[in-house]
């Protein structure tokens, strides 16, 4: 999450908006810190839901248009390997976002500037810009009671 701090702060200060598909609300289920991914504790579900309900986060419905576009993207680009990648990419393209952020370095980053948004301009795909480690990032999700 450290790499998301600057973007989060910009959104918190109304300098940017964060768009994500409602699919992300389901996808935030596992965390990978060390070793294999493990499901997050059920007690953290409400914290995650609160995090995703910030006023600067704009959820997008995965409708028929997004779903069909996601499937076409997976067929057209080998780098777009998973349905979740296809949904996120199709959502970004449909909304003409300035940047799509990903940590999936082996796959989607290879498509930077190679796929066209709905307005015909190439989509910038990158990792989020970092921020100093002392800045806070959203609610303290996993701090004990």
N, C-alpha and C. Protein backbone atom coordinates (compact mmCIF):
# COMPACT_ATOMS: atom_id res chain seq x y z
N UNK A 1 0.80 -1.19 0.00
CA UNK A 1 0.00 0.00 0.00
C UNK A 1 0.85 1.26 0.00
N UNK A 2 2.11 1.17 0.37
CA UNK A 2 2.94 2.37 0.44
C UNK A 2 3.00 3.11 -0.88
N UNK A 3 2.98 2.40 -1.99
CA UNK A 3 3.06 3.05 -3.29
C UNK A 3 1.79 3.79 -3.66
N UNK A 4 0.73 3.60 -2.94
CA UNK A 4 -0.55 4.26 -3.24
C UNK A 4 -0.73 5.57 -2.46
N UNK A 5 0.15 5.86 -1.55
CA UNK A 5 -0.05 7.00 -0.64
C UNK A 5 -0.23 8.33 -1.35
N UNK A 6 0.61 8.62 -2.31
CA UNK A 6 0.52 9.92 -2.99
C UNK A 6 -0.80 10.06 -3.73
N UNK A 7 -1.20 9.04 -4.44
CA UNK A 7 -2.47 9.07 -5.17
C UNK A 7 -3.62 9.20 -4.18
N UNK A 8 -3.57 8.47 -3.08
CA UNK A 8 -4.61 8.54 -2.06
C UNK A 8 -4.71 9.96 -1.51
N UNK A 9 -3.57 10.57 -1.18
CA UNK A 9 -3.55 11.93 -0.64
C UNK A 9 -4.10 12.93 -1.66
N UNK A 10 -3.72 12.77 -2.92
CA UNK A 10 -4.25 13.65 -3.97
C UNK A 10 -5.77 13.53 -4.04
N UNK A 11 -6.28 12.32 -3.96
CA UNK A 11 -7.72 12.11 -4.02
C UNK A 11 -8.39 12.69 -2.78
N UNK A 12 -7.80 12.47 -1.63
CA UNK A 12 -8.33 12.99 -0.38
C UNK A 12 -8.41 14.53 -0.41
N UNK A 13 -7.45 15.15 -1.09
CA UNK A 13 -7.40 16.61 -1.21
C UNK A 13 -8.11 17.12 -2.46
N UNK A 14 -8.95 16.28 -3.07
CA UNK A 14 -9.77 16.63 -4.23
C UNK A 14 -8.96 17.06 -5.45
N UNK A 15 -7.77 16.51 -5.61
CA UNK A 15 -6.93 16.81 -6.78
C UNK A 15 -7.04 15.72 -7.84
N UNK A 16 -7.63 14.59 -7.48
CA UNK A 16 -7.81 13.49 -8.43
C UNK A 16 -8.97 12.62 -7.94
N UNK A 17 -9.48 11.80 -8.83
CA UNK A 17 -10.50 10.81 -8.47
C UNK A 17 -9.92 9.43 -8.72
N UNK A 18 -10.37 8.49 -7.95
CA UNK A 18 -9.96 7.10 -8.13
C UNK A 18 -11.18 6.34 -8.64
N UNK A 19 -11.07 5.73 -9.81
CA UNK A 19 -12.14 4.91 -10.37
C UNK A 19 -11.75 3.45 -10.22
N UNK A 20 -12.71 2.64 -9.87
CA UNK A 20 -12.49 1.21 -9.81
C UNK A 20 -13.82 0.51 -10.09
N UNK A 21 -13.75 -0.67 -10.65
CA UNK A 21 -14.99 -1.40 -10.90
C UNK A 21 -15.48 -2.02 -9.60
N UNK A 22 -16.77 -2.27 -9.54
CA UNK A 22 -17.33 -2.93 -8.36
C UNK A 22 -16.68 -4.31 -8.17
N UNK A 23 -16.11 -4.85 -9.24
CA UNK A 23 -15.41 -6.13 -9.13
C UNK A 23 -14.30 -6.04 -8.08
N UNK A 24 -13.66 -4.90 -7.97
CA UNK A 24 -12.59 -4.69 -6.99
C UNK A 24 -13.09 -4.93 -5.57
N UNK A 25 -14.36 -4.63 -5.30
CA UNK A 25 -14.91 -4.81 -3.97
C UNK A 25 -14.87 -6.29 -3.55
N UNK A 26 -14.97 -7.17 -4.52
CA UNK A 26 -14.86 -8.60 -4.27
C UNK A 26 -13.41 -9.05 -4.29
N UNK A 27 -12.65 -8.47 -5.18
CA UNK A 27 -11.26 -8.89 -5.39
C UNK A 27 -10.39 -8.65 -4.16
N UNK A 28 -10.70 -7.64 -3.36
CA UNK A 28 -9.92 -7.37 -2.16
C UNK A 28 -10.33 -8.38 -1.10
N UNK A 29 -9.75 -9.57 -1.23
CA UNK A 29 -10.08 -10.69 -0.36
C UNK A 29 -8.84 -11.32 0.22
N UNK A 30 -7.73 -11.23 -0.51
CA UNK A 30 -6.48 -11.84 -0.07
C UNK A 30 -5.38 -10.80 0.00
N UNK A 31 -4.43 -11.07 0.87
CA UNK A 31 -3.25 -10.21 0.98
C UNK A 31 -2.01 -11.07 0.85
N UNK A 32 -0.99 -10.52 0.24
CA UNK A 32 0.26 -11.24 0.11
C UNK A 32 1.34 -10.38 0.74
N UNK A 33 1.79 -10.80 1.89
CA UNK A 33 2.86 -10.06 2.57
C UNK A 33 4.16 -10.85 2.43
N UNK A 34 4.16 -12.04 2.94
CA UNK A 34 5.30 -12.93 2.80
C UNK A 34 4.74 -14.31 2.48
N UNK A 35 5.31 -14.94 1.49
CA UNK A 35 4.83 -16.26 1.11
C UNK A 35 3.56 -16.18 0.28
N UNK A 36 2.76 -17.26 0.27
CA UNK A 36 1.54 -17.29 -0.55
C UNK A 36 0.47 -16.35 -0.03
N UNK A 37 -0.45 -15.99 -0.91
CA UNK A 37 -1.57 -15.13 -0.53
C UNK A 37 -2.45 -15.85 0.48
N UNK A 38 -2.96 -15.07 1.43
CA UNK A 38 -3.85 -15.63 2.44
C UNK A 38 -5.09 -14.76 2.50
N UNK A 39 -6.27 -15.38 2.73
CA UNK A 39 -7.48 -14.57 2.88
C UNK A 39 -7.33 -13.60 4.05
N UNK A 40 -7.86 -12.41 3.87
CA UNK A 40 -7.89 -11.44 4.96
C UNK A 40 -8.89 -11.92 6.01
N UNK A 41 -8.67 -11.52 7.23
CA UNK A 41 -9.57 -11.92 8.31
C UNK A 41 -10.97 -11.35 8.07
N UNK A 42 -11.98 -12.15 8.37
CA UNK A 42 -13.37 -11.72 8.17
C UNK A 42 -13.66 -10.43 8.94
N UNK A 43 -13.02 -10.24 10.08
CA UNK A 43 -13.25 -9.04 10.89
C UNK A 43 -12.80 -7.77 10.16
N UNK A 44 -11.98 -7.92 9.13
CA UNK A 44 -11.49 -6.76 8.38
C UNK A 44 -12.41 -6.38 7.21
N UNK A 45 -13.44 -7.17 6.94
CA UNK A 45 -14.34 -6.87 5.82
C UNK A 45 -14.94 -5.47 5.92
N UNK A 46 -15.45 -5.10 7.10
CA UNK A 46 -16.07 -3.79 7.26
C UNK A 46 -15.06 -2.67 7.03
N UNK A 47 -13.83 -2.87 7.47
CA UNK A 47 -12.78 -1.86 7.27
C UNK A 47 -12.49 -1.66 5.79
N UNK A 48 -12.45 -2.76 5.05
CA UNK A 48 -12.21 -2.69 3.61
C UNK A 48 -13.38 -1.99 2.93
N UNK A 49 -14.60 -2.34 3.35
CA UNK A 49 -15.78 -1.69 2.77
C UNK A 49 -15.77 -0.19 3.03
N UNK A 50 -15.38 0.23 4.23
CA UNK A 50 -15.28 1.66 4.53
C UNK A 50 -14.21 2.33 3.68
N UNK A 51 -13.10 1.66 3.51
CA UNK A 51 -12.02 2.19 2.68
C UNK A 51 -12.50 2.43 1.25
N UNK A 52 -13.24 1.49 0.70
CA UNK A 52 -13.69 1.60 -0.68
C UNK A 52 -14.88 2.54 -0.85
N UNK A 53 -15.46 2.98 0.23
CA UNK A 53 -16.61 3.89 0.16
C UNK A 53 -16.23 5.36 0.37
N UNK A 54 -14.97 5.69 0.24
CA UNK A 54 -14.54 7.09 0.36
C UNK A 54 -15.16 7.90 -0.77
N UNK A 55 -15.45 9.16 -0.53
CA UNK A 55 -16.12 9.99 -1.53
C UNK A 55 -15.29 10.18 -2.79
N UNK A 56 -13.99 10.02 -2.72
CA UNK A 56 -13.13 10.20 -3.89
C UNK A 56 -12.92 8.91 -4.68
N UNK A 57 -13.51 7.83 -4.22
CA UNK A 57 -13.47 6.58 -4.98
C UNK A 57 -14.79 6.44 -5.71
N UNK A 58 -14.71 6.33 -7.03
CA UNK A 58 -15.91 6.24 -7.87
C UNK A 58 -16.03 4.82 -8.41
N UNK A 59 -16.94 4.03 -7.83
CA UNK A 59 -17.11 2.66 -8.33
C UNK A 59 -17.86 2.65 -9.66
N UNK A 60 -17.49 1.69 -10.49
CA UNK A 60 -18.07 1.58 -11.83
C UNK A 60 -18.70 0.19 -11.96
N UNK A 61 -19.91 0.14 -12.48
CA UNK A 61 -20.61 -1.11 -12.69
C UNK A 61 -19.95 -1.90 -13.82
N UNK A 62 -19.77 -3.18 -13.60
CA UNK A 62 -19.29 -4.07 -14.66
C UNK A 62 -20.53 -4.50 -15.44
N UNK A 63 -20.82 -3.75 -16.49
CA UNK A 63 -22.00 -4.02 -17.30
C UNK A 63 -21.62 -4.87 -18.51
N UNK A 64 -22.58 -5.07 -19.38
CA UNK A 64 -22.37 -5.89 -20.57
C UNK A 64 -21.24 -5.34 -21.45
N UNK A 65 -21.22 -4.03 -21.61
CA UNK A 65 -20.18 -3.39 -22.45
C UNK A 65 -18.78 -3.68 -21.89
N UNK A 66 -18.60 -3.50 -20.58
CA UNK A 66 -17.31 -3.75 -19.94
C UNK A 66 -16.95 -5.24 -20.03
N UNK A 67 -17.92 -6.10 -19.75
CA UNK A 67 -17.66 -7.55 -19.75
C UNK A 67 -17.24 -8.04 -21.13
N UNK A 68 -17.95 -7.63 -22.19
CA UNK A 68 -17.58 -8.06 -23.53
C UNK A 68 -16.23 -7.48 -23.94
N UNK A 69 -15.98 -6.24 -23.58
CA UNK A 69 -14.69 -5.62 -23.91
C UNK A 69 -13.55 -6.34 -23.20
N UNK A 70 -13.79 -6.75 -21.96
CA UNK A 70 -12.76 -7.47 -21.20
C UNK A 70 -12.40 -8.79 -21.89
N UNK A 71 -13.41 -9.50 -22.36
CA UNK A 71 -13.13 -10.77 -23.05
C UNK A 71 -12.35 -10.53 -24.34
N UNK A 72 -12.72 -9.49 -25.09
CA UNK A 72 -11.99 -9.17 -26.33
C UNK A 72 -10.54 -8.78 -26.03
N UNK A 73 -10.33 -8.05 -24.95
CA UNK A 73 -8.96 -7.66 -24.58
C UNK A 73 -8.11 -8.88 -24.24
N UNK A 74 -8.70 -9.85 -23.54
CA UNK A 74 -7.96 -11.07 -23.21
C UNK A 74 -7.60 -11.85 -24.46
N UNK A 75 -8.48 -11.85 -25.45
CA UNK A 75 -8.18 -12.55 -26.71
C UNK A 75 -7.13 -11.82 -27.54
N UNK A 76 -7.15 -10.49 -27.48
CA UNK A 76 -6.26 -9.68 -28.33
C UNK A 76 -4.87 -9.48 -27.75
N UNK A 77 -4.75 -9.50 -26.42
CA UNK A 77 -3.47 -9.19 -25.78
C UNK A 77 -3.08 -10.30 -24.81
N UNK A 78 -2.05 -11.07 -25.13
CA UNK A 78 -1.61 -12.15 -24.24
C UNK A 78 -1.22 -11.65 -22.85
N UNK A 79 -0.84 -10.37 -22.75
CA UNK A 79 -0.47 -9.80 -21.45
C UNK A 79 -1.67 -9.68 -20.52
N UNK A 80 -2.84 -9.64 -21.09
CA UNK A 80 -4.09 -9.54 -20.33
C UNK A 80 -4.59 -10.96 -20.09
N UNK A 81 -4.01 -11.62 -19.09
CA UNK A 81 -4.17 -13.06 -18.91
C UNK A 81 -5.39 -13.50 -18.12
N UNK A 82 -5.84 -12.64 -17.22
CA UNK A 82 -6.90 -13.05 -16.29
C UNK A 82 -8.16 -12.22 -16.52
N UNK A 83 -9.33 -12.80 -16.25
CA UNK A 83 -10.56 -12.02 -16.36
C UNK A 83 -10.51 -10.73 -15.53
N UNK A 84 -9.91 -10.79 -14.34
CA UNK A 84 -9.82 -9.57 -13.52
C UNK A 84 -9.00 -8.50 -14.23
N UNK A 85 -7.91 -8.88 -14.88
CA UNK A 85 -7.12 -7.92 -15.66
C UNK A 85 -7.97 -7.31 -16.77
N UNK A 86 -8.73 -8.15 -17.45
CA UNK A 86 -9.58 -7.69 -18.54
C UNK A 86 -10.63 -6.70 -18.06
N UNK A 87 -11.24 -6.99 -16.92
CA UNK A 87 -12.26 -6.10 -16.37
C UNK A 87 -11.66 -4.75 -15.99
N UNK A 88 -10.53 -4.77 -15.31
CA UNK A 88 -9.90 -3.52 -14.90
C UNK A 88 -9.46 -2.70 -16.12
N UNK A 89 -8.89 -3.37 -17.09
CA UNK A 89 -8.43 -2.68 -18.29
C UNK A 89 -9.61 -2.12 -19.09
N UNK A 90 -10.64 -2.93 -19.29
CA UNK A 90 -11.82 -2.47 -20.03
C UNK A 90 -12.49 -1.29 -19.34
N UNK A 91 -12.51 -1.31 -18.02
CA UNK A 91 -13.10 -0.20 -17.26
C UNK A 91 -12.30 1.07 -17.48
N UNK A 92 -10.98 0.98 -17.39
CA UNK A 92 -10.12 2.16 -17.59
C UNK A 92 -10.27 2.72 -19.00
N UNK A 93 -10.34 1.84 -19.98
CA UNK A 93 -10.47 2.28 -21.38
C UNK A 93 -11.82 2.97 -21.60
N UNK A 94 -12.89 2.40 -21.06
CA UNK A 94 -14.23 2.96 -21.26
C UNK A 94 -14.36 4.34 -20.61
N UNK A 95 -13.67 4.55 -19.51
CA UNK A 95 -13.78 5.82 -18.78
C UNK A 95 -12.77 6.88 -19.23
N UNK A 96 -11.88 6.53 -20.15
CA UNK A 96 -10.86 7.48 -20.62
C UNK A 96 -10.03 8.04 -19.46
N UNK A 97 -9.65 7.18 -18.52
CA UNK A 97 -8.86 7.66 -17.38
C UNK A 97 -7.48 8.09 -17.85
N UNK A 98 -6.85 8.98 -17.09
CA UNK A 98 -5.51 9.46 -17.43
C UNK A 98 -4.47 8.36 -17.26
N UNK A 99 -4.60 7.59 -16.17
CA UNK A 99 -3.66 6.51 -15.88
C UNK A 99 -4.39 5.33 -15.28
N UNK A 100 -3.90 4.14 -15.60
CA UNK A 100 -4.37 2.93 -14.93
C UNK A 100 -3.20 2.44 -14.09
N UNK A 101 -3.43 2.30 -12.79
CA UNK A 101 -2.37 1.85 -11.89
C UNK A 101 -2.48 0.35 -11.65
N UNK A 102 -1.34 -0.30 -11.65
CA UNK A 102 -1.30 -1.74 -11.42
C UNK A 102 0.02 -2.11 -10.76
N UNK A 103 0.02 -3.18 -10.02
CA UNK A 103 1.24 -3.75 -9.46
C UNK A 103 1.59 -5.03 -10.21
N UNK A 104 0.85 -5.34 -11.25
CA UNK A 104 1.01 -6.57 -12.02
C UNK A 104 2.11 -6.37 -13.06
N UNK A 105 3.35 -6.24 -12.59
CA UNK A 105 4.48 -5.89 -13.45
C UNK A 105 4.75 -6.85 -14.59
N UNK A 106 4.39 -8.10 -14.44
CA UNK A 106 4.70 -9.06 -15.48
C UNK A 106 3.70 -9.06 -16.62
N UNK A 107 2.59 -8.37 -16.46
CA UNK A 107 1.54 -8.46 -17.45
C UNK A 107 1.10 -7.10 -17.99
N UNK A 108 0.21 -6.45 -17.29
CA UNK A 108 -0.45 -5.25 -17.81
C UNK A 108 0.51 -4.09 -18.08
N UNK A 109 1.58 -3.97 -17.33
CA UNK A 109 2.52 -2.86 -17.58
C UNK A 109 3.10 -2.91 -19.00
N UNK A 110 3.15 -4.10 -19.57
CA UNK A 110 3.65 -4.25 -20.94
C UNK A 110 2.72 -3.62 -21.97
N UNK A 111 1.49 -3.33 -21.56
CA UNK A 111 0.50 -2.74 -22.48
C UNK A 111 0.48 -1.22 -22.42
N UNK A 112 1.37 -0.62 -21.64
CA UNK A 112 1.41 0.84 -21.51
C UNK A 112 1.53 1.49 -22.89
N UNK A 113 0.57 2.34 -23.21
CA UNK A 113 0.57 3.07 -24.48
C UNK A 113 0.18 2.24 -25.69
N UNK A 114 -0.17 0.97 -25.50
CA UNK A 114 -0.47 0.08 -26.63
C UNK A 114 -1.96 -0.19 -26.83
N UNK A 115 -2.78 0.17 -25.85
CA UNK A 115 -4.23 -0.01 -25.99
C UNK A 115 -4.89 1.36 -25.98
N UNK A 116 -5.94 1.49 -26.77
CA UNK A 116 -6.58 2.79 -26.94
C UNK A 116 -7.83 2.92 -26.08
N UNK A 117 -7.94 4.07 -25.44
CA UNK A 117 -9.12 4.40 -24.67
C UNK A 117 -10.30 4.62 -25.62
N UNK A 118 -11.48 4.79 -25.09
CA UNK A 118 -12.68 5.02 -25.90
C UNK A 118 -12.54 6.27 -26.77
N UNK A 119 -11.75 7.25 -26.31
CA UNK A 119 -11.57 8.48 -27.08
C UNK A 119 -10.45 8.37 -28.12
N UNK A 120 -9.86 7.16 -28.25
CA UNK A 120 -8.83 6.93 -29.26
C UNK A 120 -7.41 7.23 -28.82
N UNK A 121 -7.22 7.73 -27.63
CA UNK A 121 -5.88 8.04 -27.12
C UNK A 121 -5.31 6.82 -26.40
N UNK A 122 -3.98 6.64 -26.46
CA UNK A 122 -3.37 5.49 -25.77
C UNK A 122 -3.48 5.63 -24.24
N UNK A 123 -3.72 4.52 -23.58
CA UNK A 123 -3.84 4.49 -22.13
C UNK A 123 -2.46 4.35 -21.50
N UNK A 124 -2.19 5.19 -20.52
CA UNK A 124 -0.96 5.07 -19.73
C UNK A 124 -1.22 4.06 -18.63
N UNK A 125 -0.40 3.01 -18.58
CA UNK A 125 -0.50 1.98 -17.55
C UNK A 125 0.81 2.00 -16.78
N UNK A 126 0.73 2.20 -15.47
CA UNK A 126 1.94 2.36 -14.67
C UNK A 126 1.67 1.92 -13.23
N UNK A 127 2.74 1.85 -12.45
CA UNK A 127 2.56 1.65 -11.01
C UNK A 127 2.27 3.01 -10.40
N UNK A 128 1.59 3.05 -9.26
CA UNK A 128 1.31 4.34 -8.62
C UNK A 128 2.60 5.03 -8.20
N UNK A 129 2.58 6.35 -8.23
CA UNK A 129 3.73 7.12 -7.76
C UNK A 129 3.84 6.93 -6.26
N UNK A 130 5.04 6.80 -5.77
CA UNK A 130 5.26 6.60 -4.34
C UNK A 130 5.15 7.89 -3.56
N UNK A 131 5.23 7.78 -2.26
CA UNK A 131 5.20 8.94 -1.37
C UNK A 131 6.08 8.64 -0.17
N UNK A 132 6.47 9.65 0.56
CA UNK A 132 7.29 9.41 1.76
C UNK A 132 6.60 8.45 2.71
N UNK A 133 7.35 7.54 3.35
CA UNK A 133 6.74 6.51 4.19
C UNK A 133 6.02 7.04 5.43
N UNK A 134 6.23 8.30 5.82
CA UNK A 134 5.58 8.80 7.02
C UNK A 134 4.16 9.32 6.78
N UNK A 135 3.74 9.42 5.53
CA UNK A 135 2.39 9.90 5.24
C UNK A 135 1.39 8.80 5.56
N UNK A 136 0.22 9.19 6.07
CA UNK A 136 -0.81 8.20 6.38
C UNK A 136 -1.51 7.77 5.11
N UNK A 137 -2.03 6.56 5.13
CA UNK A 137 -2.76 6.02 3.98
C UNK A 137 -4.09 5.50 4.44
N UNK A 138 -5.13 6.28 4.24
CA UNK A 138 -6.48 5.83 4.53
C UNK A 138 -6.65 5.32 5.95
N UNK A 139 -7.74 4.64 6.22
CA UNK A 139 -7.97 4.08 7.55
C UNK A 139 -6.91 3.04 7.87
N UNK A 140 -6.56 2.95 9.13
CA UNK A 140 -5.57 1.95 9.55
C UNK A 140 -6.27 0.59 9.56
N UNK A 141 -6.25 -0.06 8.40
CA UNK A 141 -7.06 -1.26 8.19
C UNK A 141 -6.79 -2.40 9.17
N UNK A 142 -5.54 -2.66 9.44
CA UNK A 142 -5.25 -3.92 10.10
C UNK A 142 -4.64 -3.73 11.49
N UNK A 143 -4.87 -2.57 12.05
CA UNK A 143 -4.41 -2.33 13.41
C UNK A 143 -5.39 -3.01 14.37
N UNK A 144 -4.87 -3.61 15.38
CA UNK A 144 -5.72 -4.31 16.33
C UNK A 144 -6.62 -3.37 17.10
N UNK A 145 -7.59 -3.92 17.86
CA UNK A 145 -8.55 -3.09 18.60
C UNK A 145 -7.89 -2.29 19.70
